[in-house]
Amino acid sequence: MADADGIGRIDDAATDTMVQLFIKLSAAGIVERATFRTFGCSACIAASSIATELLIGRTRAISADQLDDALGGLPEDKRYCADLVAEATAKAFGAAVSAG
């Protein structure tokens, strides 16, 4: 997203995963649009995708538990995907606050 207010990027060498989330905020600080770019397993891509849906209308990051619940529960060996995406959302909000 070229006009993103916040970008959160996580590079996790241990799992060979990269998650990048972009958020566009309204004047009131509410997420109007969210997109992602993720390189990793299908669970990480799914977590990134659901995050973009969950972020719309929010004023703060989402947790790994919220992502896990929205996905119907990830297998234990894929739980790291929710953690990485949640961390990326927090970084995106942090970047948006810093820039604004």
PDB file of N, CA and C in Angstrom:
ATOM      1  N   MET A   1       0.850  -1.162   0.000  1.00  0.00           N
ATOM      2  CA  MET A   1       0.000   0.000   0.000  1.00  0.00           C
ATOM      3  C   MET A   1       0.901   1.231   0.000  1.00  0.00           C
ATOM      4  N   ALA A   2       0.826   1.990  -1.017  1.00  0.00           N
ATOM      5  CA  ALA A   2       1.725   3.129  -1.194  1.00  0.00           C
ATOM      6  C   ALA A   2       1.506   4.235  -0.175  1.00  0.00           C
ATOM      7  N   ASP A   3       0.263   4.431   0.283  1.00  0.00           N
ATOM      8  CA  ASP A   3      -0.030   5.527   1.203  1.00  0.00           C
ATOM      9  C   ASP A   3      -0.288   5.062   2.630  1.00  0.00           C
ATOM     10  N   ALA A   4       0.329   3.974   3.026  1.00  0.00           N
ATOM     11  CA  ALA A   4       0.122   3.418   4.372  1.00  0.00           C
ATOM     12  C   ALA A   4       0.575   4.396   5.444  1.00  0.00           C
ATOM     13  N   ASP A   5      -0.203   4.462   6.521  1.00  0.00           N
ATOM     14  CA  ASP A   5       0.185   5.266   7.675  1.00  0.00           C
ATOM     15  C   ASP A   5       1.109   4.482   8.598  1.00  0.00           C
ATOM     16  N   GLY A   6       0.996   3.169   8.555  1.00  0.00           N
ATOM     17  CA  GLY A   6       1.845   2.330   9.380  1.00  0.00           C
ATOM     18  C   GLY A   6       2.186   1.040   8.672  1.00  0.00           C
ATOM     19  N   ILE A   7       3.434   0.618   8.808  1.00  0.00           N
ATOM     20  CA  ILE A   7       3.895  -0.641   8.220  1.00  0.00           C
ATOM     21  C   ILE A   7       4.584  -1.426   9.317  1.00  0.00           C
ATOM     22  N   GLY A   8       4.172  -2.665   9.456  1.00  0.00           N
ATOM     23  CA  GLY A   8       4.815  -3.552  10.422  1.00  0.00           C
ATOM     24  C   GLY A   8       5.409  -4.734   9.700  1.00  0.00           C
ATOM     25  N   ARG A   9       6.706  -4.955   9.885  1.00  0.00           N
ATOM     26  CA  ARG A   9       7.381  -6.043   9.190  1.00  0.00           C
ATOM     27  C   ARG A   9       8.111  -6.915  10.207  1.00  0.00           C
ATOM     28  N   ILE A  10       7.929  -8.208  10.033  1.00  0.00           N
ATOM     29  CA  ILE A  10       8.604  -9.193  10.860  1.00  0.00           C
ATOM     30  C   ILE A  10       9.317 -10.163   9.931  1.00  0.00           C
ATOM     31  N   ASP A  11      10.607 -10.323  10.141  1.00  0.00           N
ATOM     32  CA  ASP A  11      11.394 -11.329   9.423  1.00  0.00           C
ATOM     33  C   ASP A  11      11.829 -12.360  10.456  1.00  0.00           C
ATOM     34  N   ASP A  12      11.345 -13.573  10.306  1.00  0.00           N
ATOM     35  CA  ASP A  12      11.670 -14.630  11.262  1.00  0.00           C
ATOM     36  C   ASP A  12      12.512 -15.695  10.575  1.00  0.00           C
ATOM     37  N   ALA A  13      13.808 -15.642  10.794  1.00  0.00           N
ATOM     38  CA  ALA A  13      14.729 -16.578  10.144  1.00  0.00           C
ATOM     39  C   ALA A  13      14.497 -18.015  10.598  1.00  0.00           C
ATOM     40  N   ALA A  14      14.069 -18.191  11.831  1.00  0.00           N
ATOM     41  CA  ALA A  14      13.873 -19.546  12.365  1.00  0.00           C
ATOM     42  C   ALA A  14      12.803 -20.316  11.595  1.00  0.00           C
ATOM     43  N   THR A  15      11.779 -19.601  11.108  1.00  0.00           N
ATOM     44  CA  THR A  15      10.696 -20.254  10.371  1.00  0.00           C
ATOM     45  C   THR A  15      10.696 -19.881   8.897  1.00  0.00           C
ATOM     46  N   ASP A  16      11.686 -19.104   8.475  1.00  0.00           N
ATOM     47  CA  ASP A  16      11.791 -18.650   7.092  1.00  0.00           C
ATOM     48  C   ASP A  16      10.498 -17.959   6.649  1.00  0.00           C
ATOM     49  N   THR A  17      10.033 -17.038   7.498  1.00  0.00           N
ATOM     50  CA  THR A  17       8.775 -16.330   7.266  1.00  0.00           C
ATOM     51  C   THR A  17       8.999 -14.828   7.303  1.00  0.00           C
ATOM     52  N   MET A  18       8.328 -14.120   6.403  1.00  0.00           N
ATOM     53  CA  MET A  18       8.301 -12.661   6.415  1.00  0.00           C
ATOM     54  C   MET A  18       6.841 -12.235   6.365  1.00  0.00           C
ATOM     55  N   VAL A  19       6.466 -11.394   7.317  1.00  0.00           N
ATOM     56  CA  VAL A  19       5.114 -10.842   7.365  1.00  0.00           C
ATOM     57  C   VAL A  19       5.242  -9.332   7.318  1.00  0.00           C
ATOM     58  N   GLN A  20       4.488  -8.713   6.416  1.00  0.00           N
ATOM     59  CA  GLN A  20       4.469  -7.261   6.329  1.00  0.00           C
ATOM     60  C   GLN A  20       3.008  -6.829   6.250  1.00  0.00           C
ATOM     61  N   LEU A  21       2.595  -6.001   7.208  1.00  0.00           N
ATOM     62  CA  LEU A  21       1.227  -5.491   7.253  1.00  0.00           C
ATOM     63  C   LEU A  21       1.241  -3.984   7.063  1.00  0.00           C
ATOM     64  N   PHE A  22       0.275  -3.498   6.296  1.00  0.00           N
ATOM     65  CA  PHE A  22       0.134  -2.081   6.001  1.00  0.00           C
ATOM     66  C   PHE A  22      -1.230  -1.632   6.499  1.00  0.00           C
ATOM     67  N   ILE A  23      -1.285  -0.481   7.194  1.00  0.00           N
ATOM     68  CA  ILE A  23      -2.564   0.047   7.630  1.00  0.00           C
ATOM     69  C   ILE A  23      -2.714   1.499   7.197  1.00  0.00           C
ATOM     70  N   LYS A  24      -3.931   1.847   6.840  1.00  0.00           N
ATOM     71  CA  LYS A  24      -4.307   3.222   6.492  1.00  0.00           C
ATOM     72  C   LYS A  24      -5.342   3.653   7.520  1.00  0.00           C
ATOM     73  N   LEU A  25      -5.065   4.762   8.216  1.00  0.00           N
ATOM     74  CA  LEU A  25      -5.928   5.239   9.285  1.00  0.00           C
ATOM     75  C   LEU A  25      -6.760   6.439   8.852  1.00  0.00           C
ATOM     76  N   SER A  26      -7.941   6.563   9.453  1.00  0.00           N
ATOM     77  CA  SER A  26      -8.762   7.759   9.271  1.00  0.00           C
ATOM     78  C   SER A  26      -8.178   8.867  10.132  1.00  0.00           C
ATOM     79  N   ALA A  27      -8.739  10.058  10.017  1.00  0.00           N
ATOM     80  CA  ALA A  27      -8.292  11.184  10.839  1.00  0.00           C
ATOM     81  C   ALA A  27      -8.488  10.892  12.321  1.00  0.00           C
ATOM     82  N   ALA A  28      -9.440  10.025  12.644  1.00  0.00           N
ATOM     83  CA  ALA A  28      -9.721   9.654  14.038  1.00  0.00           C
ATOM     84  C   ALA A  28      -8.834   8.514  14.529  1.00  0.00           C
ATOM     85  N   GLY A  29      -7.945   8.019  13.664  1.00  0.00           N
ATOM     86  CA  GLY A  29      -7.046   6.935  14.062  1.00  0.00           C
ATOM     87  C   GLY A  29      -7.642   5.548  13.959  1.00  0.00           C
ATOM     88  N   ILE A  30      -8.688   5.406  13.170  1.00  0.00           N
ATOM     89  CA  ILE A  30      -9.361   4.114  12.968  1.00  0.00           C
ATOM     90  C   ILE A  30      -8.878   3.507  11.655  1.00  0.00           C
ATOM     91  N   VAL A  31      -8.594   2.214  11.668  1.00  0.00           N
ATOM     92  CA  VAL A  31      -8.124   1.546  10.450  1.00  0.00           C
ATOM     93  C   VAL A  31      -9.235   1.536   9.401  1.00  0.00           C
ATOM     94  N   GLU A  32      -8.937   2.140   8.265  1.00  0.00           N
ATOM     95  CA  GLU A  32      -9.865   2.166   7.132  1.00  0.00           C
ATOM     96  C   GLU A  32      -9.532   1.069   6.123  1.00  0.00           C
ATOM     97  N   ARG A  33      -8.250   0.742   6.043  1.00  0.00           N
ATOM     98  CA  ARG A  33      -7.796  -0.240   5.053  1.00  0.00           C
ATOM     99  C   ARG A  33      -6.567  -0.948   5.601  1.00  0.00           C
ATOM    100  N   ALA A  34      -6.470  -2.224   5.311  1.00  0.00           N
ATOM    101  CA  ALA A  34      -5.299  -3.002   5.730  1.00  0.00           C
ATOM    102  C   ALA A  34      -4.984  -4.011   4.634  1.00  0.00           C
ATOM    103  N   THR A  35      -3.702  -4.146   4.340  1.00  0.00           N
ATOM    104  CA  THR A  35      -3.244  -5.121   3.355  1.00  0.00           C
ATOM    105  C   THR A  35      -2.020  -5.832   3.916  1.00  0.00           C
ATOM    106  N   PHE A  36      -1.608  -6.879   3.245  1.00  0.00           N
ATOM    107  CA  PHE A  36      -0.448  -7.620   3.726  1.00  0.00           C
ATOM    108  C   PHE A  36       0.369  -8.171   2.578  1.00  0.00           C
ATOM    109  N   ARG A  37       1.601  -8.523   2.916  1.00  0.00           N
ATOM    110  CA  ARG A  37       2.482  -9.279   2.028  1.00  0.00           C
ATOM    111  C   ARG A  37       3.207 -10.257   2.936  1.00  0.00           C
ATOM    112  N   THR A  38       2.992 -11.526   2.691  1.00  0.00           N
ATOM    113  CA  THR A  38       3.565 -12.561   3.548  1.00  0.00           C
ATOM    114  C   THR A  38       4.214 -13.641   2.701  1.00  0.00           C
ATOM    115  N   PHE A  39       5.407 -14.018   3.101  1.00  0.00           N
ATOM    116  CA  PHE A  39       6.104 -15.157   2.509  1.00  0.00           C
ATOM    117  C   PHE A  39       6.297 -16.165   3.622  1.00  0.00           C
ATOM    118  N   GLY A  40       5.653 -17.314   3.475  1.00  0.00           N
ATOM    119  CA  GLY A  40       5.733 -18.341   4.499  1.00  0.00           C
ATOM    120  C   GLY A  40       4.714 -19.426   4.202  1.00  0.00           C
ATOM    121  N   CYS A  41       4.384 -20.178   5.223  1.00  0.00           N
ATOM    122  CA  CYS A  41       3.452 -21.290   5.051  1.00  0.00           C
ATOM    123  C   CYS A  41       2.014 -20.781   4.899  1.00  0.00           C
ATOM    124  N   SER A  42       1.122 -21.681   4.548  1.00  0.00           N
ATOM    125  CA  SER A  42      -0.274 -21.300   4.321  1.00  0.00           C
ATOM    126  C   SER A  42      -0.935 -20.786   5.601  1.00  0.00           C
ATOM    127  N   ALA A  43      -0.525 -21.267   6.761  1.00  0.00           N
ATOM    128  CA  ALA A  43      -1.096 -20.781   8.021  1.00  0.00           C
ATOM    129  C   ALA A  43      -0.706 -19.326   8.267  1.00  0.00           C
ATOM    130  N   CYS A  44       0.509 -18.951   7.913  1.00  0.00           N
ATOM    131  CA  CYS A  44       0.939 -17.553   8.071  1.00  0.00           C
ATOM    132  C   CYS A  44       0.197 -16.651   7.093  1.00  0.00           C
ATOM    133  N   ILE A  45      -0.026 -17.135   5.896  1.00  0.00           N
ATOM    134  CA  ILE A  45      -0.780 -16.366   4.910  1.00  0.00           C
ATOM    135  C   ILE A  45      -2.228 -16.207   5.377  1.00  0.00           C
ATOM    136  N   ALA A  46      -2.822 -17.269   5.908  1.00  0.00           N
ATOM    137  CA  ALA A  46      -4.196 -17.201   6.411  1.00  0.00           C
ATOM    138  C   ALA A  46      -4.299 -16.239   7.594  1.00  0.00           C
ATOM    139  N   ALA A  47      -3.338 -16.294   8.504  1.00  0.00           N
ATOM    140  CA  ALA A  47      -3.347 -15.395   9.664  1.00  0.00           C
ATOM    141  C   ALA A  47      -3.206 -13.940   9.218  1.00  0.00           C
ATOM    142  N   SER A  48      -2.368 -13.697   8.223  1.00  0.00           N
ATOM    143  CA  SER A  48      -2.196 -12.344   7.696  1.00  0.00           C
ATOM    144  C   SER A  48      -3.487 -11.852   7.043  1.00  0.00           C
ATOM    145  N   SER A  49      -4.115 -12.711   6.290  1.00  0.00           N
ATOM    146  CA  SER A  49      -5.344 -12.345   5.597  1.00  0.00           C
ATOM    147  C   SER A  49      -6.462 -12.016   6.584  1.00  0.00           C
ATOM    148  N   ILE A  50      -6.652 -12.866   7.582  1.00  0.00           N
ATOM    149  CA  ILE A  50      -7.715 -12.613   8.560  1.00  0.00           C
ATOM    150  C   ILE A  50      -7.406 -11.369   9.372  1.00  0.00           C
ATOM    151  N   ALA A  51      -6.125 -11.090   9.585  1.00  0.00           N
ATOM    152  CA  ALA A  51      -5.746  -9.871  10.314  1.00  0.00           C
ATOM    153  C   ALA A  51      -6.239  -8.636   9.575  1.00  0.00           C
ATOM    154  N   THR A  52      -6.122  -8.627   8.253  1.00  0.00           N
ATOM    155  CA  THR A  52      -6.562  -7.451   7.498  1.00  0.00           C
ATOM    156  C   THR A  52      -8.066  -7.236   7.648  1.00  0.00           C
ATOM    157  N   GLU A  53      -8.814  -8.301   7.814  1.00  0.00           N
ATOM    158  CA  GLU A  53     -10.253  -8.177   8.020  1.00  0.00           C
ATOM    159  C   GLU A  53     -10.567  -7.716   9.439  1.00  0.00           C
ATOM    160  N   LEU A  54      -9.859  -8.279  10.410  1.00  0.00           N
ATOM    161  CA  LEU A  54     -10.103  -7.932  11.809  1.00  0.00           C
ATOM    162  C   LEU A  54      -9.672  -6.503  12.140  1.00  0.00           C
ATOM    163  N   LEU A  55      -8.689  -5.981  11.433  1.00  0.00           N
ATOM    164  CA  LEU A  55      -8.171  -4.655  11.733  1.00  0.00           C
ATOM    165  C   LEU A  55      -9.108  -3.516  11.333  1.00  0.00           C
ATOM    166  N   ILE A  56      -9.950  -3.731  10.338  1.00  0.00           N
ATOM    167  CA  ILE A  56     -10.848  -2.673   9.860  1.00  0.00           C
ATOM    168  C   ILE A  56     -11.755  -2.213  11.006  1.00  0.00           C
ATOM    169  N   GLY A  57     -11.746  -0.905  11.237  1.00  0.00           N
ATOM    170  CA  GLY A  57     -12.581  -0.328  12.284  1.00  0.00           C
ATOM    171  C   GLY A  57     -11.936  -0.287  13.660  1.00  0.00           C
ATOM    172  N   ARG A  58     -10.705  -0.784  13.766  1.00  0.00           N
ATOM    173  CA  ARG A  58     -10.028  -0.832  15.066  1.00  0.00           C
ATOM    174  C   ARG A  58      -9.085   0.359  15.244  1.00  0.00           C
ATOM    175  N   THR A  59      -8.726   0.579  16.498  1.00  0.00           N
ATOM    176  CA  THR A  59      -7.788   1.648  16.825  1.00  0.00           C
ATOM    177  C   THR A  59      -6.511   1.112  17.462  1.00  0.00           C
ATOM    178  N   ARG A  60      -6.402  -0.211  17.527  1.00  0.00           N
ATOM    179  CA  ARG A  60      -5.194  -0.811  18.101  1.00  0.00           C
ATOM    180  C   ARG A  60      -4.952  -2.188  17.503  1.00  0.00           C
ATOM    181  N   ALA A  61      -3.791  -2.720  17.798  1.00  0.00           N
ATOM    182  CA  ALA A  61      -3.372  -4.010  17.243  1.00  0.00           C
ATOM    183  C   ALA A  61      -4.258  -5.149  17.741  1.00  0.00           C
ATOM    184  N   ILE A  62      -4.151  -6.276  17.068  1.00  0.00           N
ATOM    185  CA  ILE A  62      -4.874  -7.472  17.491  1.00  0.00           C
ATOM    186  C   ILE A  62      -3.889  -8.465  18.087  1.00  0.00           C
ATOM    187  N   SER A  63      -4.399  -9.315  18.935  1.00  0.00           N
ATOM    188  CA  SER A  63      -3.539 -10.270  19.633  1.00  0.00           C
ATOM    189  C   SER A  63      -3.458 -11.592  18.869  1.00  0.00           C
ATOM    190  N   ALA A  64      -2.472 -12.370  19.234  1.00  0.00           N
ATOM    191  CA  ALA A  64      -2.328 -13.708  18.647  1.00  0.00           C
ATOM    192  C   ALA A  64      -3.536 -14.573  18.993  1.00  0.00           C
ATOM    193  N   ASP A  65      -4.077 -14.412  20.187  1.00  0.00           N
ATOM    194  CA  ASP A  65      -5.263 -15.188  20.581  1.00  0.00           C
ATOM    195  C   ASP A  65      -6.464 -14.828  19.720  1.00  0.00           C
ATOM    196  N   GLN A  66      -6.637 -13.537  19.407  1.00  0.00           N
ATOM    197  CA  GLN A  66      -7.738 -13.123  18.543  1.00  0.00           C
ATOM    198  C   GLN A  66      -7.596 -13.728  17.143  1.00  0.00           C
ATOM    199  N   LEU A  67      -6.382 -13.735  16.641  1.00  0.00           N
ATOM    200  CA  LEU A  67      -6.136 -14.340  15.326  1.00  0.00           C
ATOM    201  C   LEU A  67      -6.400 -15.835  15.360  1.00  0.00           C
ATOM    202  N   ASP A  68      -5.892 -16.496  16.382  1.00  0.00           N
ATOM    203  CA  ASP A  68      -6.078 -17.934  16.520  1.00  0.00           C
ATOM    204  C   ASP A  68      -7.567 -18.279  16.588  1.00  0.00           C
ATOM    205  N   ASP A  69      -8.328 -17.518  17.377  1.00  0.00           N
ATOM    206  CA  ASP A  69      -9.771 -17.745  17.484  1.00  0.00           C
ATOM    207  C   ASP A  69     -10.476 -17.539  16.152  1.00  0.00           C
ATOM    208  N   ALA A  70     -10.108 -16.463  15.435  1.00  0.00           N
ATOM    209  CA  ALA A  70     -10.738 -16.164  14.148  1.00  0.00           C
ATOM    210  C   ALA A  70     -10.468 -17.257  13.116  1.00  0.00           C
ATOM    211  N   LEU A  71      -9.345 -17.929  13.268  1.00  0.00           N
ATOM    212  CA  LEU A  71      -8.986 -19.012  12.340  1.00  0.00           C
ATOM    213  C   LEU A  71      -9.514 -20.368  12.797  1.00  0.00           C
ATOM    214  N   GLY A  72     -10.216 -20.396  13.908  1.00  0.00           N
ATOM    215  CA  GLY A  72     -10.771 -21.651  14.401  1.00  0.00           C
ATOM    216  C   GLY A  72      -9.756 -22.496  15.145  1.00  0.00           C
ATOM    217  N   GLY A  73      -8.651 -21.912  15.521  1.00  0.00           N
ATOM    218  CA  GLY A  73      -7.617 -22.626  16.276  1.00  0.00           C
ATOM    219  C   GLY A  73      -6.568 -23.228  15.357  1.00  0.00           C
ATOM    220  N   LEU A  74      -5.376 -22.678  15.437  1.00  0.00           N
ATOM    221  CA  LEU A  74      -4.265 -23.216  14.646  1.00  0.00           C
ATOM    222  C   LEU A  74      -3.670 -24.436  15.325  1.00  0.00           C
ATOM    223  N   PRO A  75      -3.122 -25.367  14.559  1.00  0.00           N
ATOM    224  CA  PRO A  75      -2.389 -26.472  15.178  1.00  0.00           C
ATOM    225  C   PRO A  75      -1.222 -25.908  15.995  1.00  0.00           C
ATOM    226  N   GLU A  76      -0.847 -26.581  17.042  1.00  0.00           N
ATOM    227  CA  GLU A  76       0.204 -26.092  17.938  1.00  0.00           C
ATOM    228  C   GLU A  76       1.491 -25.747  17.189  1.00  0.00           C
ATOM    229  N   ASP A  77       1.848 -26.551  16.185  1.00  0.00           N
ATOM    230  CA  ASP A  77       3.097 -26.289  15.455  1.00  0.00           C
ATOM    231  C   ASP A  77       2.987 -25.106  14.486  1.00  0.00           C
ATOM    232  N   LYS A  78       1.785 -24.534  14.352  1.00  0.00           N
ATOM    233  CA  LYS A  78       1.584 -23.352  13.497  1.00  0.00           C
ATOM    234  C   LYS A  78       1.177 -22.126  14.305  1.00  0.00           C
ATOM    235  N   ARG A  79       1.143 -22.240  15.617  1.00  0.00           N
ATOM    236  CA  ARG A  79       0.755 -21.141  16.485  1.00  0.00           C
ATOM    237  C   ARG A  79       1.678 -19.926  16.297  1.00  0.00           C
ATOM    238  N   TYR A  80       2.916 -20.192  15.934  1.00  0.00           N
ATOM    239  CA  TYR A  80       3.862 -19.092  15.722  1.00  0.00           C
ATOM    240  C   TYR A  80       3.368 -18.111  14.667  1.00  0.00           C
ATOM    241  N   CYS A  81       2.548 -18.577  13.728  1.00  0.00           N
ATOM    242  CA  CYS A  81       2.025 -17.696  12.678  1.00  0.00           C
ATOM    243  C   CYS A  81       1.178 -16.583  13.280  1.00  0.00           C
ATOM    244  N   ALA A  82       0.305 -16.930  14.207  1.00  0.00           N
ATOM    245  CA  ALA A  82      -0.520 -15.925  14.875  1.00  0.00           C
ATOM    246  C   ALA A  82       0.362 -14.960  15.656  1.00  0.00           C
ATOM    247  N   ASP A  83       1.397 -15.484  16.289  1.00  0.00           N
ATOM    248  CA  ASP A  83       2.313 -14.630  17.057  1.00  0.00           C
ATOM    249  C   ASP A  83       3.027 -13.626  16.146  1.00  0.00           C
ATOM    250  N   LEU A  84       3.528 -14.092  15.008  1.00  0.00           N
ATOM    251  CA  LEU A  84       4.242 -13.208  14.077  1.00  0.00           C
ATOM    252  C   LEU A  84       3.332 -12.125  13.517  1.00  0.00           C
ATOM    253  N   VAL A  85       2.130 -12.516  13.129  1.00  0.00           N
ATOM    254  CA  VAL A  85       1.193 -11.551  12.543  1.00  0.00           C
ATOM    255  C   VAL A  85       0.742 -10.539  13.596  1.00  0.00           C
ATOM    256  N   ALA A  86       0.496 -10.990  14.818  1.00  0.00           N
ATOM    257  CA  ALA A  86       0.126 -10.065  15.889  1.00  0.00           C
ATOM    258  C   ALA A  86       1.251  -9.067  16.142  1.00  0.00           C
ATOM    259  N   GLU A  87       2.477  -9.538  16.113  1.00  0.00           N
ATOM    260  CA  GLU A  87       3.627  -8.650  16.295  1.00  0.00           C
ATOM    261  C   GLU A  87       3.710  -7.631  15.156  1.00  0.00           C
ATOM    262  N   ALA A  88       3.430  -8.064  13.945  1.00  0.00           N
ATOM    263  CA  ALA A  88       3.439  -7.146  12.799  1.00  0.00           C
ATOM    264  C   ALA A  88       2.346  -6.087  12.934  1.00  0.00           C
ATOM    265  N   THR A  89       1.162  -6.467  13.438  1.00  0.00           N
ATOM    266  CA  THR A  89       0.104  -5.464  13.616  1.00  0.00           C
ATOM    267  C   THR A  89       0.507  -4.435  14.663  1.00  0.00           C
ATOM    268  N   ALA A  90       1.144  -4.888  15.726  1.00  0.00           N
ATOM    269  CA  ALA A  90       1.599  -3.965  16.761  1.00  0.00           C
ATOM    270  C   ALA A  90       2.642  -2.996  16.202  1.00  0.00           C
ATOM    271  N   LYS A  91       3.552  -3.508  15.391  1.00  0.00           N
ATOM    272  CA  LYS A  91       4.564  -2.645  14.773  1.00  0.00           C
ATOM    273  C   LYS A  91       3.921  -1.646  13.813  1.00  0.00           C
ATOM    274  N   ALA A  92       2.926  -2.058  13.076  1.00  0.00           N
ATOM    275  CA  ALA A  92       2.252  -1.154  12.143  1.00  0.00           C
ATOM    276  C   ALA A  92       1.580  -0.007  12.906  1.00  0.00           C
ATOM    277  N   PHE A  93       0.914  -0.327  14.013  1.00  0.00           N
ATOM    278  CA  PHE A  93       0.296   0.737  14.817  1.00  0.00           C
ATOM    279  C   PHE A  93       1.367   1.620  15.445  1.00  0.00           C
ATOM    280  N   GLY A  94       2.445   1.024  15.899  1.00  0.00           N
ATOM    281  CA  GLY A  94       3.545   1.803  16.465  1.00  0.00           C
ATOM    282  C   GLY A  94       4.129   2.762  15.464  1.00  0.00           C
ATOM    283  N   ALA A  95       4.304   2.298  14.229  1.00  0.00           N
ATOM    284  CA  ALA A  95       4.834   3.145  13.161  1.00  0.00           C
ATOM    285  C   ALA A  95       3.860   4.269  12.822  1.00  0.00           C
ATOM    286  N   ALA A  96       2.569   3.966  12.829  1.00  0.00           N
ATOM    287  CA  ALA A  96       1.560   4.979  12.506  1.00  0.00           C
ATOM    288  C   ALA A  96       1.542   6.067  13.577  1.00  0.00           C
ATOM    289  N   VAL A  97       1.660   5.679  14.825  1.00  0.00           N
ATOM    290  CA  VAL A  97       1.660   6.646  15.925  1.00  0.00           C
ATOM    291  C   VAL A  97       2.918   7.506  15.874  1.00  0.00           C
ATOM    292  N   SER A  98       4.052   6.882  15.592  1.00  0.00           N
ATOM    293  CA  SER A  98       5.309   7.610  15.494  1.00  0.00           C
ATOM    294  C   SER A  98       5.297   8.633  14.367  1.00  0.00           C
ATOM    295  N   ALA A  99       4.677   8.238  13.241  1.00  0.00           N
ATOM    296  CA  ALA A  99       4.647   9.118  12.071  1.00  0.00           C
ATOM    297  C   ALA A  99       3.645  10.251  12.238  1.00  0.00           C
ATOM    298  N   GLY A 100       2.578   9.978  12.999  1.00  0.00           N
ATOM    299  CA  GLY A 100       1.505  10.965  13.122  1.00  0.00           C
ATOM    300  C   GLY A 100       1.728  11.850  14.253  1.00  0.00           C
TER     301      GLY A 100
END
